[in-house]
Amino acid sequence: MQTFKYVIKDDIGIHARPAGQLVNLAKSYKSDIKIKKDDVSVNLKSVLKVLGLAVKKDHEITIEIEGEDEVLAMAEISAFLENNL
């Protein structure tokens, strides 16, 4: 299992456009991918669930990836977060 913590820097937080891009990126992998805020963990492949977390600026999220392509998925998802959120 790969795990990555990230603090959101975007002033708006995870809103519709980057959430959609993040979900599409997650869907390109076979691994199970979860996003967690506080004690709530949801499937990163569902845009409605991601938006339902209501992640705002300065909130810490955790990405958990488990599966056959977890290393590549973690590298690309963490790069997306650093560059976009």
N, C-alpha and C. Protein backbone atom coordinates (compact mmCIF):
# COMPACT_ATOMS: atom_id res chain seq x y z
N MET A 1 0.85 -1.19 0.00
CA MET A 1 0.00 0.00 0.00
C MET A 1 0.89 1.24 0.00
N GLN A 2 0.52 2.21 -0.80
CA GLN A 2 1.20 3.50 -0.87
C GLN A 2 0.31 4.54 -0.18
N THR A 3 0.93 5.42 0.61
CA THR A 3 0.19 6.47 1.31
C THR A 3 0.90 7.80 1.13
N PHE A 4 0.11 8.85 0.93
CA PHE A 4 0.65 10.19 0.71
C PHE A 4 -0.24 11.20 1.41
N LYS A 5 0.35 12.07 2.22
CA LYS A 5 -0.42 13.15 2.87
C LYS A 5 -0.11 14.45 2.15
N TYR A 6 -1.13 15.29 2.05
CA TYR A 6 -0.96 16.56 1.33
C TYR A 6 -1.87 17.62 1.96
N VAL A 7 -1.36 18.83 2.12
CA VAL A 7 -2.15 19.95 2.61
C VAL A 7 -2.54 20.81 1.40
N ILE A 8 -3.84 21.04 1.24
CA ILE A 8 -4.36 21.78 0.09
C ILE A 8 -3.93 23.24 0.17
N LYS A 9 -3.36 23.74 -0.93
CA LYS A 9 -2.89 25.12 -0.99
C LYS A 9 -3.79 26.03 -1.83
N ASP A 10 -4.62 25.43 -2.66
CA ASP A 10 -5.51 26.20 -3.53
C ASP A 10 -6.51 26.99 -2.68
N ASP A 11 -6.72 28.26 -3.01
CA ASP A 11 -7.62 29.12 -2.23
C ASP A 11 -9.05 28.59 -2.17
N ILE A 12 -9.48 27.89 -3.21
CA ILE A 12 -10.86 27.39 -3.27
C ILE A 12 -10.97 25.97 -2.72
N GLY A 13 -9.86 25.27 -2.62
CA GLY A 13 -9.89 23.88 -2.18
C GLY A 13 -10.12 22.96 -3.36
N ILE A 14 -10.62 21.76 -3.09
CA ILE A 14 -10.91 20.82 -4.19
C ILE A 14 -12.31 21.13 -4.69
N HIS A 15 -12.37 21.86 -5.80
CA HIS A 15 -13.66 22.22 -6.40
C HIS A 15 -13.86 21.39 -7.67
N ALA A 16 -14.92 21.66 -8.40
CA ALA A 16 -15.37 20.79 -9.49
C ALA A 16 -14.31 20.48 -10.55
N ARG A 17 -13.63 21.49 -11.07
CA ARG A 17 -12.68 21.23 -12.16
C ARG A 17 -11.53 20.33 -11.73
N PRO A 18 -10.77 20.68 -10.67
CA PRO A 18 -9.68 19.79 -10.30
C PRO A 18 -10.17 18.44 -9.75
N ALA A 19 -11.34 18.41 -9.15
CA ALA A 19 -11.89 17.14 -8.67
C ALA A 19 -12.13 16.21 -9.85
N GLY A 20 -12.72 16.74 -10.91
CA GLY A 20 -12.96 15.94 -12.11
C GLY A 20 -11.67 15.44 -12.73
N GLN A 21 -10.66 16.30 -12.78
CA GLN A 21 -9.36 15.90 -13.33
C GLN A 21 -8.71 14.83 -12.46
N LEU A 22 -8.79 14.99 -11.15
CA LEU A 22 -8.20 14.03 -10.22
C LEU A 22 -8.90 12.68 -10.32
N VAL A 23 -10.22 12.69 -10.42
CA VAL A 23 -10.99 11.46 -10.55
C VAL A 23 -10.65 10.75 -11.86
N ASN A 24 -10.56 11.51 -12.95
CA ASN A 24 -10.20 10.90 -14.24
C ASN A 24 -8.81 10.28 -14.19
N LEU A 25 -7.89 10.95 -13.52
CA LEU A 25 -6.55 10.39 -13.35
C LEU A 25 -6.62 9.09 -12.55
N ALA A 26 -7.36 9.09 -11.46
CA ALA A 26 -7.49 7.90 -10.62
C ALA A 26 -8.12 6.74 -11.39
N LYS A 27 -9.08 7.04 -12.24
CA LYS A 27 -9.76 6.00 -13.02
C LYS A 27 -8.84 5.33 -14.03
N SER A 28 -7.72 5.96 -14.35
CA SER A 28 -6.81 5.37 -15.33
C SER A 28 -5.95 4.25 -14.72
N TYR A 29 -6.11 3.99 -13.43
CA TYR A 29 -5.34 2.95 -12.75
C TYR A 29 -6.24 1.82 -12.28
N LYS A 30 -5.66 0.62 -12.21
CA LYS A 30 -6.40 -0.55 -11.75
C LYS A 30 -6.49 -0.61 -10.23
N SER A 31 -5.57 0.03 -9.55
CA SER A 31 -5.50 0.00 -8.08
C SER A 31 -6.74 0.62 -7.44
N ASP A 32 -7.00 0.20 -6.20
CA ASP A 32 -8.03 0.84 -5.38
C ASP A 32 -7.40 2.11 -4.81
N ILE A 33 -8.09 3.24 -5.00
CA ILE A 33 -7.54 4.52 -4.57
C ILE A 33 -8.57 5.23 -3.70
N LYS A 34 -8.15 5.61 -2.51
CA LYS A 34 -9.02 6.30 -1.55
C LYS A 34 -8.44 7.67 -1.23
N ILE A 35 -9.34 8.62 -0.96
CA ILE A 35 -8.94 9.93 -0.44
C ILE A 35 -9.61 10.07 0.92
N LYS A 36 -8.83 10.53 1.88
CA LYS A 36 -9.32 10.61 3.25
C LYS A 36 -9.12 12.02 3.80
N LYS A 37 -10.16 12.55 4.45
CA LYS A 37 -10.08 13.82 5.18
C LYS A 37 -10.68 13.57 6.56
N ASP A 38 -9.92 13.91 7.58
CA ASP A 38 -10.32 13.62 8.95
C ASP A 38 -10.53 12.10 9.08
N ASP A 39 -11.71 11.67 9.45
CA ASP A 39 -11.97 10.24 9.60
C ASP A 39 -12.82 9.67 8.48
N VAL A 40 -13.03 10.45 7.42
CA VAL A 40 -13.87 10.01 6.31
C VAL A 40 -13.00 9.64 5.11
N SER A 41 -13.18 8.43 4.62
CA SER A 41 -12.43 7.93 3.48
C SER A 41 -13.41 7.55 2.37
N VAL A 42 -13.14 8.05 1.15
CA VAL A 42 -14.03 7.75 0.02
C VAL A 42 -13.20 7.32 -1.19
N ASN A 43 -13.88 6.72 -2.14
CA ASN A 43 -13.26 6.26 -3.38
C ASN A 43 -12.89 7.48 -4.23
N LEU A 44 -11.60 7.57 -4.61
CA LEU A 44 -11.14 8.70 -5.42
C LEU A 44 -11.63 8.62 -6.86
N LYS A 45 -12.29 7.53 -7.22
CA LYS A 45 -12.80 7.37 -8.58
C LYS A 45 -14.25 7.84 -8.71
N SER A 46 -14.77 8.51 -7.68
CA SER A 46 -16.14 9.04 -7.69
C SER A 46 -16.11 10.55 -7.42
N VAL A 47 -16.43 11.33 -8.44
CA VAL A 47 -16.35 12.78 -8.30
C VAL A 47 -17.33 13.30 -7.24
N LEU A 48 -18.50 12.72 -7.14
CA LEU A 48 -19.47 13.18 -6.15
C LEU A 48 -18.99 12.91 -4.72
N LYS A 49 -18.35 11.77 -4.52
CA LYS A 49 -17.82 11.46 -3.18
C LYS A 49 -16.66 12.37 -2.83
N VAL A 50 -15.81 12.66 -3.82
CA VAL A 50 -14.67 13.56 -3.58
C VAL A 50 -15.18 14.96 -3.23
N LEU A 51 -16.13 15.46 -4.00
CA LEU A 51 -16.70 16.78 -3.71
C LEU A 51 -17.43 16.78 -2.37
N GLY A 52 -18.02 15.65 -2.00
CA GLY A 52 -18.74 15.53 -0.74
C GLY A 52 -17.84 15.69 0.49
N LEU A 53 -16.54 15.50 0.32
CA LEU A 53 -15.61 15.70 1.44
C LEU A 53 -15.45 17.18 1.80
N ALA A 54 -15.81 18.06 0.87
CA ALA A 54 -15.73 19.52 1.09
C ALA A 54 -14.33 19.93 1.57
N VAL A 55 -13.32 19.55 0.80
CA VAL A 55 -11.94 19.85 1.17
C VAL A 55 -11.63 21.31 0.81
N LYS A 56 -11.21 22.06 1.80
CA LYS A 56 -10.90 23.49 1.64
C LYS A 56 -9.40 23.74 1.80
N LYS A 57 -9.01 24.98 1.59
CA LYS A 57 -7.61 25.36 1.75
C LYS A 57 -7.14 25.03 3.17
N ASP A 58 -5.92 24.56 3.28
CA ASP A 58 -5.25 24.19 4.53
C ASP A 58 -5.76 22.90 5.15
N HIS A 59 -6.70 22.20 4.52
CA HIS A 59 -7.11 20.89 5.00
C HIS A 59 -6.07 19.86 4.57
N GLU A 60 -5.80 18.90 5.45
CA GLU A 60 -4.88 17.82 5.08
C GLU A 60 -5.69 16.63 4.59
N ILE A 61 -5.26 16.08 3.45
CA ILE A 61 -5.87 14.87 2.91
C ILE A 61 -4.82 13.77 2.89
N THR A 62 -5.29 12.54 2.86
CA THR A 62 -4.42 11.39 2.72
C THR A 62 -4.91 10.58 1.53
N ILE A 63 -3.97 10.23 0.66
CA ILE A 63 -4.28 9.36 -0.48
C ILE A 63 -3.73 7.99 -0.16
N GLU A 64 -4.56 6.96 -0.29
CA GLU A 64 -4.15 5.58 -0.06
C GLU A 64 -4.40 4.78 -1.33
N ILE A 65 -3.36 4.10 -1.80
CA ILE A 65 -3.45 3.35 -3.05
C ILE A 65 -2.96 1.93 -2.80
N GLU A 66 -3.76 0.97 -3.25
CA GLU A 66 -3.37 -0.43 -3.11
C GLU A 66 -3.74 -1.18 -4.38
N GLY A 67 -2.74 -1.83 -4.99
CA GLY A 67 -2.98 -2.61 -6.19
C GLY A 67 -1.74 -2.76 -7.03
N GLU A 68 -1.92 -3.35 -8.19
CA GLU A 68 -0.78 -3.71 -9.02
C GLU A 68 -0.01 -2.52 -9.59
N ASP A 69 -0.66 -1.38 -9.77
CA ASP A 69 0.04 -0.21 -10.33
C ASP A 69 0.12 0.94 -9.32
N GLU A 70 0.17 0.60 -8.04
CA GLU A 70 0.12 1.60 -6.97
C GLU A 70 1.30 2.56 -6.98
N VAL A 71 2.49 2.10 -7.35
CA VAL A 71 3.66 2.98 -7.32
C VAL A 71 3.53 4.07 -8.38
N LEU A 72 3.16 3.68 -9.60
CA LEU A 72 2.97 4.66 -10.67
C LEU A 72 1.80 5.60 -10.35
N ALA A 73 0.71 5.04 -9.84
CA ALA A 73 -0.45 5.86 -9.49
C ALA A 73 -0.09 6.89 -8.44
N MET A 74 0.67 6.49 -7.42
CA MET A 74 1.05 7.41 -6.36
C MET A 74 1.92 8.53 -6.91
N ALA A 75 2.86 8.20 -7.78
CA ALA A 75 3.75 9.22 -8.35
C ALA A 75 2.95 10.26 -9.14
N GLU A 76 2.02 9.80 -9.96
CA GLU A 76 1.28 10.73 -10.81
C GLU A 76 0.21 11.51 -10.03
N ILE A 77 -0.44 10.88 -9.08
CA ILE A 77 -1.46 11.58 -8.29
C ILE A 77 -0.81 12.61 -7.37
N SER A 78 0.31 12.25 -6.75
CA SER A 78 0.99 13.22 -5.88
C SER A 78 1.52 14.40 -6.71
N ALA A 79 2.01 14.14 -7.92
CA ALA A 79 2.46 15.23 -8.80
C ALA A 79 1.29 16.12 -9.18
N PHE A 80 0.12 15.52 -9.47
CA PHE A 80 -1.07 16.32 -9.80
C PHE A 80 -1.44 17.24 -8.63
N LEU A 81 -1.45 16.70 -7.43
CA LEU A 81 -1.80 17.51 -6.26
C LEU A 81 -0.82 18.66 -6.09
N GLU A 82 0.47 18.38 -6.18
CA GLU A 82 1.48 19.43 -6.03
C GLU A 82 1.34 20.54 -7.07
N ASN A 83 0.99 20.16 -8.29
CA ASN A 83 0.91 21.13 -9.39
C ASN A 83 -0.42 21.86 -9.50
N ASN A 84 -1.47 21.30 -8.93
CA ASN A 84 -2.81 21.86 -9.15
C ASN A 84 -3.57 22.28 -7.89
N LEU A 85 -3.21 21.73 -6.76
CA LEU A 85 -3.98 22.03 -5.55
C LEU A 85 -3.05 22.42 -4.41
